[in-house]
PDB file of all heavy atoms in Angstrom:
ATOM      1  N   LEU A   1       4.771  39.593  13.191  1.00  0.00           N
ATOM      2  CA  LEU A   1       5.556  38.740  14.081  1.00  0.00           C
ATOM      3  C   LEU A   1       6.693  37.995  13.288  1.00  0.00           C
ATOM      4  O   LEU A   1       7.452  37.311  13.924  1.00  0.00           O
ATOM      5  CB  LEU A   1       4.628  37.700  14.721  1.00  0.00           C
ATOM      6  CG  LEU A   1       3.503  38.258  15.599  1.00  0.00           C
ATOM      7  CD1 LEU A   1       2.630  37.120  16.156  1.00  0.00           C
ATOM      8  CD2 LEU A   1       4.051  39.088  16.769  1.00  0.00           C
ATOM      9  N   ASN A   2       6.718  38.213  12.041  1.00  0.00           N
ATOM     10  CA  ASN A   2       7.715  37.585  11.145  1.00  0.00           C
ATOM     11  C   ASN A   2       7.721  36.060  11.381  1.00  0.00           C
ATOM     12  O   ASN A   2       8.796  35.465  11.677  1.00  0.00           O
ATOM     13  CB  ASN A   2       9.123  38.186  11.359  1.00  0.00           C
ATOM     14  CG  ASN A   2      10.111  37.820  10.286  1.00  0.00           C
ATOM     15  OD1 ASN A   2       9.648  37.563   9.168  1.00  0.00           O
ATOM     16  ND2 ASN A   2      11.375  37.803  10.634  1.00  0.00           N
ATOM     17  N   ALA A   3       6.560  35.452  11.311  1.00  0.00           N
ATOM     18  CA  ALA A   3       6.433  34.008  11.549  1.00  0.00           C
ATOM     19  C   ALA A   3       5.234  33.452  10.798  1.00  0.00           C
ATOM     20  O   ALA A   3       4.322  34.186  10.433  1.00  0.00           O
ATOM     21  CB  ALA A   3       6.237  33.836  13.054  1.00  0.00           C
ATOM     22  N   GLU A   4       5.280  32.163  10.603  1.00  0.00           N
ATOM     23  CA  GLU A   4       4.163  31.422  10.070  1.00  0.00           C
ATOM     24  C   GLU A   4       3.058  31.439  11.140  1.00  0.00           C
ATOM     25  O   GLU A   4       3.347  31.552  12.323  1.00  0.00           O
ATOM     26  CB  GLU A   4       4.498  29.998   9.687  1.00  0.00           C
ATOM     27  CG  GLU A   4       5.506  29.878   8.589  1.00  0.00           C
ATOM     28  CD  GLU A   4       4.950  30.305   7.268  1.00  0.00           C
ATOM     29  OE1 GLU A   4       3.779  29.955   6.951  1.00  0.00           O
ATOM     30  OE2 GLU A   4       5.709  30.986   6.523  1.00  0.00           O
ATOM     31  N   TYR A   5       1.823  31.242  10.761  1.00  0.00           N
ATOM     32  CA  TYR A   5       0.717  31.267  11.703  1.00  0.00           C
ATOM     33  C   TYR A   5       0.707  30.032  12.593  1.00  0.00           C
ATOM     34  O   TYR A   5       0.713  28.901  12.143  1.00  0.00           O
ATOM     35  CB  TYR A   5      -0.686  31.410  11.010  1.00  0.00           C
ATOM     36  CG  TYR A   5      -1.762  31.533  12.042  1.00  0.00           C
ATOM     37  CD1 TYR A   5      -2.016  32.759  12.670  1.00  0.00           C
ATOM     38  CD2 TYR A   5      -2.541  30.458  12.400  1.00  0.00           C
ATOM     39  CE1 TYR A   5      -2.988  32.918  13.613  1.00  0.00           C
ATOM     40  CE2 TYR A   5      -3.545  30.539  13.375  1.00  0.00           C
ATOM     41  CZ  TYR A   5      -3.754  31.791  13.979  1.00  0.00           C
ATOM     42  OH  TYR A   5      -4.716  31.887  14.919  1.00  0.00           O
ATOM     43  N   ASN A   6       0.772  30.237  13.866  1.00  0.00           N
ATOM     44  CA  ASN A   6       0.621  29.241  14.873  1.00  0.00           C
ATOM     45  C   ASN A   6      -0.131  29.882  16.003  1.00  0.00           C
ATOM     46  O   ASN A   6       0.326  30.870  16.571  1.00  0.00           O
ATOM     47  CB  ASN A   6       2.013  28.760  15.355  1.00  0.00           C
ATOM     48  CG  ASN A   6       1.867  27.815  16.588  1.00  0.00           C
ATOM     49  OD1 ASN A   6       1.578  28.256  17.640  1.00  0.00           O
ATOM     50  ND2 ASN A   6       2.137  26.556  16.300  1.00  0.00           N
ATOM     51  N   GLU A   7      -1.321  29.424  16.289  1.00  0.00           N
ATOM     52  CA  GLU A   7      -2.202  30.064  17.250  1.00  0.00           C
ATOM     53  C   GLU A   7      -1.598  30.329  18.610  1.00  0.00           C
ATOM     54  O   GLU A   7      -1.636  31.444  19.111  1.00  0.00           O
ATOM     55  CB  GLU A   7      -3.548  29.269  17.406  1.00  0.00           C
ATOM     56  CG  GLU A   7      -4.528  29.966  18.251  1.00  0.00           C
ATOM     57  CD  GLU A   7      -5.869  29.190  18.255  1.00  0.00           C
ATOM     58  OE1 GLU A   7      -6.584  29.280  17.247  1.00  0.00           O
ATOM     59  OE2 GLU A   7      -6.193  28.589  19.300  1.00  0.00           O
ATOM     60  N   ASP A   8      -0.915  29.341  19.166  1.00  0.00           N
ATOM     61  CA  ASP A   8      -0.304  29.572  20.509  1.00  0.00           C
ATOM     62  C   ASP A   8       0.781  30.617  20.441  1.00  0.00           C
ATOM     63  O   ASP A   8       0.915  31.449  21.312  1.00  0.00           O
ATOM     64  CB  ASP A   8       0.290  28.246  21.010  1.00  0.00           C
ATOM     65  CG  ASP A   8      -0.769  27.240  21.389  1.00  0.00           C
ATOM     66  OD1 ASP A   8      -1.912  27.642  21.713  1.00  0.00           O
ATOM     67  OD2 ASP A   8      -0.459  26.013  21.366  1.00  0.00           O
ATOM     68  N   TYR A   9       1.615  30.548  19.380  1.00  0.00           N
ATOM     69  CA  TYR A   9       2.664  31.562  19.238  1.00  0.00           C
ATOM     70  C   TYR A   9       2.067  32.970  19.100  1.00  0.00           C
ATOM     71  O   TYR A   9       2.558  33.925  19.726  1.00  0.00           O
ATOM     72  CB  TYR A   9       3.579  31.222  18.002  1.00  0.00           C
ATOM     73  CG  TYR A   9       4.674  32.173  17.812  1.00  0.00           C
ATOM     74  CD1 TYR A   9       5.820  32.137  18.622  1.00  0.00           C
ATOM     75  CD2 TYR A   9       4.606  33.156  16.828  1.00  0.00           C
ATOM     76  CE1 TYR A   9       6.818  33.055  18.460  1.00  0.00           C
ATOM     77  CE2 TYR A   9       5.641  34.065  16.652  1.00  0.00           C
ATOM     78  CZ  TYR A   9       6.748  33.999  17.466  1.00  0.00           C
ATOM     79  OH  TYR A   9       7.783  34.939  17.276  1.00  0.00           O
ATOM     80  N   VAL A  10       1.057  33.063  18.244  1.00  0.00           N
ATOM     81  CA  VAL A  10       0.444  34.367  18.033  1.00  0.00           C
ATOM     82  C   VAL A  10      -0.140  34.910  19.325  1.00  0.00           C
ATOM     83  O   VAL A  10       0.081  36.098  19.693  1.00  0.00           O
ATOM     84  CB  VAL A  10      -0.653  34.328  16.977  1.00  0.00           C
ATOM     85  CG1 VAL A  10      -1.545  35.548  16.931  1.00  0.00           C
ATOM     86  CG2 VAL A  10      -0.021  34.117  15.600  1.00  0.00           C
ATOM     87  N   ILE A  11      -0.773  34.105  20.097  1.00  0.00           N
ATOM     88  CA  ILE A  11      -1.370  34.530  21.362  1.00  0.00           C
ATOM     89  C   ILE A  11      -0.283  35.045  22.330  1.00  0.00           C
ATOM     90  O   ILE A  11      -0.393  36.074  22.892  1.00  0.00           O
ATOM     91  CB  ILE A  11      -2.204  33.398  22.014  1.00  0.00           C
ATOM     92  CG1 ILE A  11      -3.515  33.148  21.171  1.00  0.00           C
ATOM     93  CG2 ILE A  11      -2.556  33.725  23.472  1.00  0.00           C
ATOM     94  CD1 ILE A  11      -4.255  31.878  21.514  1.00  0.00           C
ATOM     95  N   ASN A  12       0.769  34.188  22.487  1.00  0.00           N
ATOM     96  CA  ASN A  12       1.829  34.538  23.382  1.00  0.00           C
ATOM     97  C   ASN A  12       2.560  35.858  22.977  1.00  0.00           C
ATOM     98  O   ASN A  12       2.806  36.696  23.803  1.00  0.00           O
ATOM     99  CB  ASN A  12       2.869  33.403  23.479  1.00  0.00           C
ATOM    100  CG  ASN A  12       2.311  32.244  24.254  1.00  0.00           C
ATOM    101  OD1 ASN A  12       1.488  32.363  25.121  1.00  0.00           O
ATOM    102  ND2 ASN A  12       2.786  31.029  23.896  1.00  0.00           N
ATOM    103  N   GLU A  13       2.814  36.033  21.701  1.00  0.00           N
ATOM    104  CA  GLU A  13       3.475  37.229  21.225  1.00  0.00           C
ATOM    105  C   GLU A  13       2.558  38.436  21.330  1.00  0.00           C
ATOM    106  O   GLU A  13       3.035  39.545  21.683  1.00  0.00           O
ATOM    107  CB  GLU A  13       3.965  37.048  19.799  1.00  0.00           C
ATOM    108  CG  GLU A  13       5.077  36.071  19.640  1.00  0.00           C
ATOM    109  CD  GLU A  13       6.302  36.389  20.480  1.00  0.00           C
ATOM    110  OE1 GLU A  13       6.846  37.486  20.357  1.00  0.00           O
ATOM    111  OE2 GLU A  13       6.729  35.508  21.291  1.00  0.00           O
ATOM    112  N   CYS A  14       1.269  38.281  21.057  1.00  0.00           N
ATOM    113  CA  CYS A  14       0.340  39.440  21.177  1.00  0.00           C
ATOM    114  C   CYS A  14       0.158  39.867  22.665  1.00  0.00           C
ATOM    115  O   CYS A  14       0.108  41.048  22.966  1.00  0.00           O
ATOM    116  CB  CYS A  14      -1.026  39.056  20.615  1.00  0.00           C
ATOM    117  SG  CYS A  14      -1.004  38.949  18.802  1.00  0.00           S
ATOM    118  N   LYS A  15       0.168  38.897  23.552  1.00  0.00           N
ATOM    119  CA  LYS A  15       0.088  39.236  24.971  1.00  0.00           C
ATOM    120  C   LYS A  15       1.301  40.075  25.422  1.00  0.00           C
ATOM    121  O   LYS A  15       1.173  41.022  26.219  1.00  0.00           O
ATOM    122  CB  LYS A  15      -0.066  38.010  25.852  1.00  0.00           C
ATOM    123  CG  LYS A  15      -1.494  37.393  25.726  1.00  0.00           C
ATOM    124  CD  LYS A  15      -1.685  36.254  26.642  1.00  0.00           C
ATOM    125  CE  LYS A  15      -2.303  36.495  27.930  1.00  0.00           C
ATOM    126  NZ  LYS A  15      -3.434  37.215  28.230  1.00  0.00           N
ATOM    127  N   LYS A  16       2.473  39.789  24.793  1.00  0.00           N
ATOM    128  CA  LYS A  16       3.713  40.482  25.118  1.00  0.00           C
ATOM    129  C   LYS A  16       3.601  41.962  24.699  1.00  0.00           C
ATOM    130  O   LYS A  16       4.163  42.820  25.298  1.00  0.00           O
ATOM    131  CB  LYS A  16       4.911  39.859  24.482  1.00  0.00           C
ATOM    132  CG  LYS A  16       5.336  38.586  25.101  1.00  0.00           C
ATOM    133  CD  LYS A  16       6.520  37.993  24.351  1.00  0.00           C
ATOM    134  CE  LYS A  16       6.806  36.570  24.753  1.00  0.00           C
ATOM    135  NZ  LYS A  16       7.923  35.994  23.941  1.00  0.00           N
ATOM    136  N   ILE A  17       2.844  42.243  23.578  1.00  0.00           N
ATOM    137  CA  ILE A  17       2.678  43.602  23.097  1.00  0.00           C
ATOM    138  C   ILE A  17       1.948  44.413  24.100  1.00  0.00           C
ATOM    139  O   ILE A  17       2.214  45.596  24.291  1.00  0.00           O
ATOM    140  CB  ILE A  17       2.044  43.570  21.718  1.00  0.00           C
ATOM    141  CG1 ILE A  17       2.987  42.902  20.686  1.00  0.00           C
ATOM    142  CG2 ILE A  17       1.647  44.978  21.275  1.00  0.00           C
ATOM    143  CD1 ILE A  17       2.375  42.626  19.332  1.00  0.00           C
ATOM    144  N   GLY A  18       0.995  43.785  24.795  1.00  0.00           N
ATOM    145  CA  GLY A  18       0.345  44.444  25.926  1.00  0.00           C
ATOM    146  C   GLY A  18      -0.662  45.549  25.665  1.00  0.00           C
ATOM    147  O   GLY A  18      -0.751  46.497  26.430  1.00  0.00           O
ATOM    148  N   LEU A  19      -1.450  45.387  24.601  1.00  0.00           N
ATOM    149  CA  LEU A  19      -2.495  46.400  24.325  1.00  0.00           C
ATOM    150  C   LEU A  19      -3.787  45.955  25.074  1.00  0.00           C
ATOM    151  O   LEU A  19      -3.922  44.815  25.532  1.00  0.00           O
ATOM    152  CB  LEU A  19      -2.759  46.461  22.830  1.00  0.00           C
ATOM    153  CG  LEU A  19      -1.545  46.857  21.984  1.00  0.00           C
ATOM    154  CD1 LEU A  19      -1.978  46.910  20.539  1.00  0.00           C
ATOM    155  CD2 LEU A  19      -0.912  48.129  22.411  1.00  0.00           C
ATOM    156  N   ASP A  20      -4.757  46.854  25.167  1.00  0.00           N
ATOM    157  CA  ASP A  20      -6.040  46.510  25.784  1.00  0.00           C
ATOM    158  C   ASP A  20      -6.666  45.332  25.029  1.00  0.00           C
ATOM    159  O   ASP A  20      -7.138  44.400  25.656  1.00  0.00           O
ATOM    160  CB  ASP A  20      -7.063  47.685  25.690  1.00  0.00           C
ATOM    161  CG  ASP A  20      -6.594  48.891  26.532  1.00  0.00           C
ATOM    162  OD1 ASP A  20      -5.685  48.749  27.378  1.00  0.00           O
ATOM    163  OD2 ASP A  20      -7.253  49.957  26.342  1.00  0.00           O
ATOM    164  N   LEU A  21      -6.645  45.405  23.733  1.00  0.00           N
ATOM    165  CA  LEU A  21      -7.240  44.304  22.927  1.00  0.00           C
ATOM    166  C   LEU A  21      -6.609  44.274  21.581  1.00  0.00           C
ATOM    167  O   LEU A  21      -6.378  45.293  20.928  1.00  0.00           O
ATOM    168  CB  LEU A  21      -8.735  44.557  22.742  1.00  0.00           C
ATOM    169  CG  LEU A  21      -9.582  43.520  22.016  1.00  0.00           C
ATOM    170  CD1 LEU A  21      -9.562  42.147  22.750  1.00  0.00           C
ATOM    171  CD2 LEU A  21     -11.000  43.970  21.811  1.00  0.00           C
ATOM    172  N   MET A  22      -6.320  42.982  21.125  1.00  0.00           N
ATOM    173  CA  MET A  22      -5.835  42.731  19.786  1.00  0.00           C
ATOM    174  C   MET A  22      -6.858  41.770  19.177  1.00  0.00           C
ATOM    175  O   MET A  22      -7.072  40.687  19.703  1.00  0.00           O
ATOM    176  CB  MET A  22      -4.459  42.190  19.736  1.00  0.00           C
ATOM    177  CG  MET A  22      -3.423  43.184  20.329  1.00  0.00           C
ATOM    178  SD  MET A  22      -1.772  42.484  20.420  1.00  0.00           S
ATOM    179  CE  MET A  22      -1.310  42.396  18.684  1.00  0.00           C
ATOM    180  N   VAL A  23      -7.463  42.180  18.089  1.00  0.00           N
ATOM    181  CA  VAL A  23      -8.428  41.282  17.431  1.00  0.00           C
ATOM    182  C   VAL A  23      -7.716  40.797  16.114  1.00  0.00           C
ATOM    183  O   VAL A  23      -7.445  41.558  15.246  1.00  0.00           O
ATOM    184  CB  VAL A  23      -9.735  41.974  17.086  1.00  0.00           C
ATOM    185  CG1 VAL A  23     -10.651  41.040  16.394  1.00  0.00           C
ATOM    186  CG2 VAL A  23     -10.351  42.589  18.338  1.00  0.00           C
ATOM    187  N   VAL A  24      -7.433  39.434  16.123  1.00  0.00           N
ATOM    188  CA  VAL A  24      -6.827  38.903  14.881  1.00  0.00           C
ATOM    189  C   VAL A  24      -7.944  38.225  14.080  1.00  0.00           C
ATOM    190  O   VAL A  24      -8.466  37.146  14.493  1.00  0.00           O
ATOM    191  CB  VAL A  24      -5.719  37.918  15.284  1.00  0.00           C
ATOM    192  CG1 VAL A  24      -5.090  37.296  14.025  1.00  0.00           C
ATOM    193  CG2 VAL A  24      -4.692  38.540  16.151  1.00  0.00           C
ATOM    194  N   SER A  25      -8.301  38.851  12.980  1.00  0.00           N
ATOM    195  CA  SER A  25      -9.391  38.254  12.195  1.00  0.00           C
ATOM    196  C   SER A  25      -8.825  37.102  11.358  1.00  0.00           C
ATOM    197  O   SER A  25      -7.742  37.236  10.703  1.00  0.00           O
ATOM    198  CB  SER A  25     -10.073  39.314  11.300  1.00  0.00           C
ATOM    199  OG  SER A  25      -9.158  40.008  10.555  1.00  0.00           O
ATOM    200  N   LEU A  26      -9.544  36.001  11.404  1.00  0.00           N
ATOM    201  CA  LEU A  26      -9.113  34.736  10.731  1.00  0.00           C
ATOM    202  C   LEU A  26     -10.022  34.379   9.540  1.00  0.00           C
ATOM    203  O   LEU A  26     -10.074  33.247   9.153  1.00  0.00           O
ATOM    204  CB  LEU A  26      -9.035  33.612  11.738  1.00  0.00           C
ATOM    205  CG  LEU A  26      -8.196  33.884  12.990  1.00  0.00           C
ATOM    206  CD1 LEU A  26      -8.388  32.782  14.038  1.00  0.00           C
ATOM    207  CD2 LEU A  26      -6.719  34.072  12.619  1.00  0.00           C
ATOM    208  N   GLY A  27     -10.767  35.375   9.073  1.00  0.00           N
ATOM    209  CA  GLY A  27     -11.660  35.087   7.967  1.00  0.00           C
ATOM    210  C   GLY A  27     -12.728  34.079   8.311  1.00  0.00           C
ATOM    211  O   GLY A  27     -13.379  34.214   9.336  1.00  0.00           O
ATOM    212  N   GLU A  28     -12.843  33.041   7.502  1.00  0.00           N
ATOM    213  CA  GLU A  28     -13.963  32.055   7.734  1.00  0.00           C
ATOM    214  C   GLU A  28     -13.701  31.256   8.979  1.00  0.00           C
ATOM    215  O   GLU A  28     -14.541  30.482   9.442  1.00  0.00           O
ATOM    216  CB  GLU A  28     -14.134  31.169   6.567  1.00  0.00           C
ATOM    217  CG  GLU A  28     -12.889  30.349   6.130  1.00  0.00           C
ATOM    218  CD  GLU A  28     -13.102  29.564   4.889  1.00  0.00           C
ATOM    219  OE1 GLU A  28     -13.876  29.986   3.994  1.00  0.00           O
ATOM    220  OE2 GLU A  28     -12.454  28.507   4.778  1.00  0.00           O
ATOM    221  N   ASP A  29     -12.504  31.337   9.582  1.00  0.00           N
ATOM    222  CA  ASP A  29     -12.229  30.607  10.868  1.00  0.00           C
ATOM    223  C   ASP A  29     -12.497  31.446  12.094  1.00  0.00           C
ATOM    224  O   ASP A  29     -12.231  31.035  13.190  1.00  0.00           O
ATOM    225  CB  ASP A  29     -10.718  30.222  10.835  1.00  0.00           C
ATOM    226  CG  ASP A  29     -10.418  29.177   9.773  1.00  0.00           C
ATOM    227  OD1 ASP A  29     -11.299  28.337   9.489  1.00  0.00           O
ATOM    228  OD2 ASP A  29      -9.320  29.188   9.237  1.00  0.00           O
ATOM    229  N   GLY A  30     -13.076  32.702  11.920  1.00  0.00           N
ATOM    230  CA  GLY A  30     -13.457  33.496  13.039  1.00  0.00           C
ATOM    231  C   GLY A  30     -12.453  34.536  13.462  1.00  0.00           C
ATOM    232  O   GLY A  30     -11.871  35.198  12.572  1.00  0.00           O
ATOM    233  N   ALA A  31     -12.163  34.633  14.751  1.00  0.00           N
ATOM    234  CA  ALA A  31     -11.264  35.653  15.220  1.00  0.00           C
ATOM    235  C   ALA A  31     -10.721  35.285  16.611  1.00  0.00           C
ATOM    236  O   ALA A  31     -11.378  34.601  17.352  1.00  0.00           O
ATOM    237  CB  ALA A  31     -11.958  37.030  15.226  1.00  0.00           C
TER     238      ALA A  31
END
């Protein structure tokens, strides 16, 4: 996404990509 991590931004941008499922693994913070 060429951006720093921001949960809301990541969610919005991933929804625009429009795949069945995108799993963003966050390590010890879950997914």
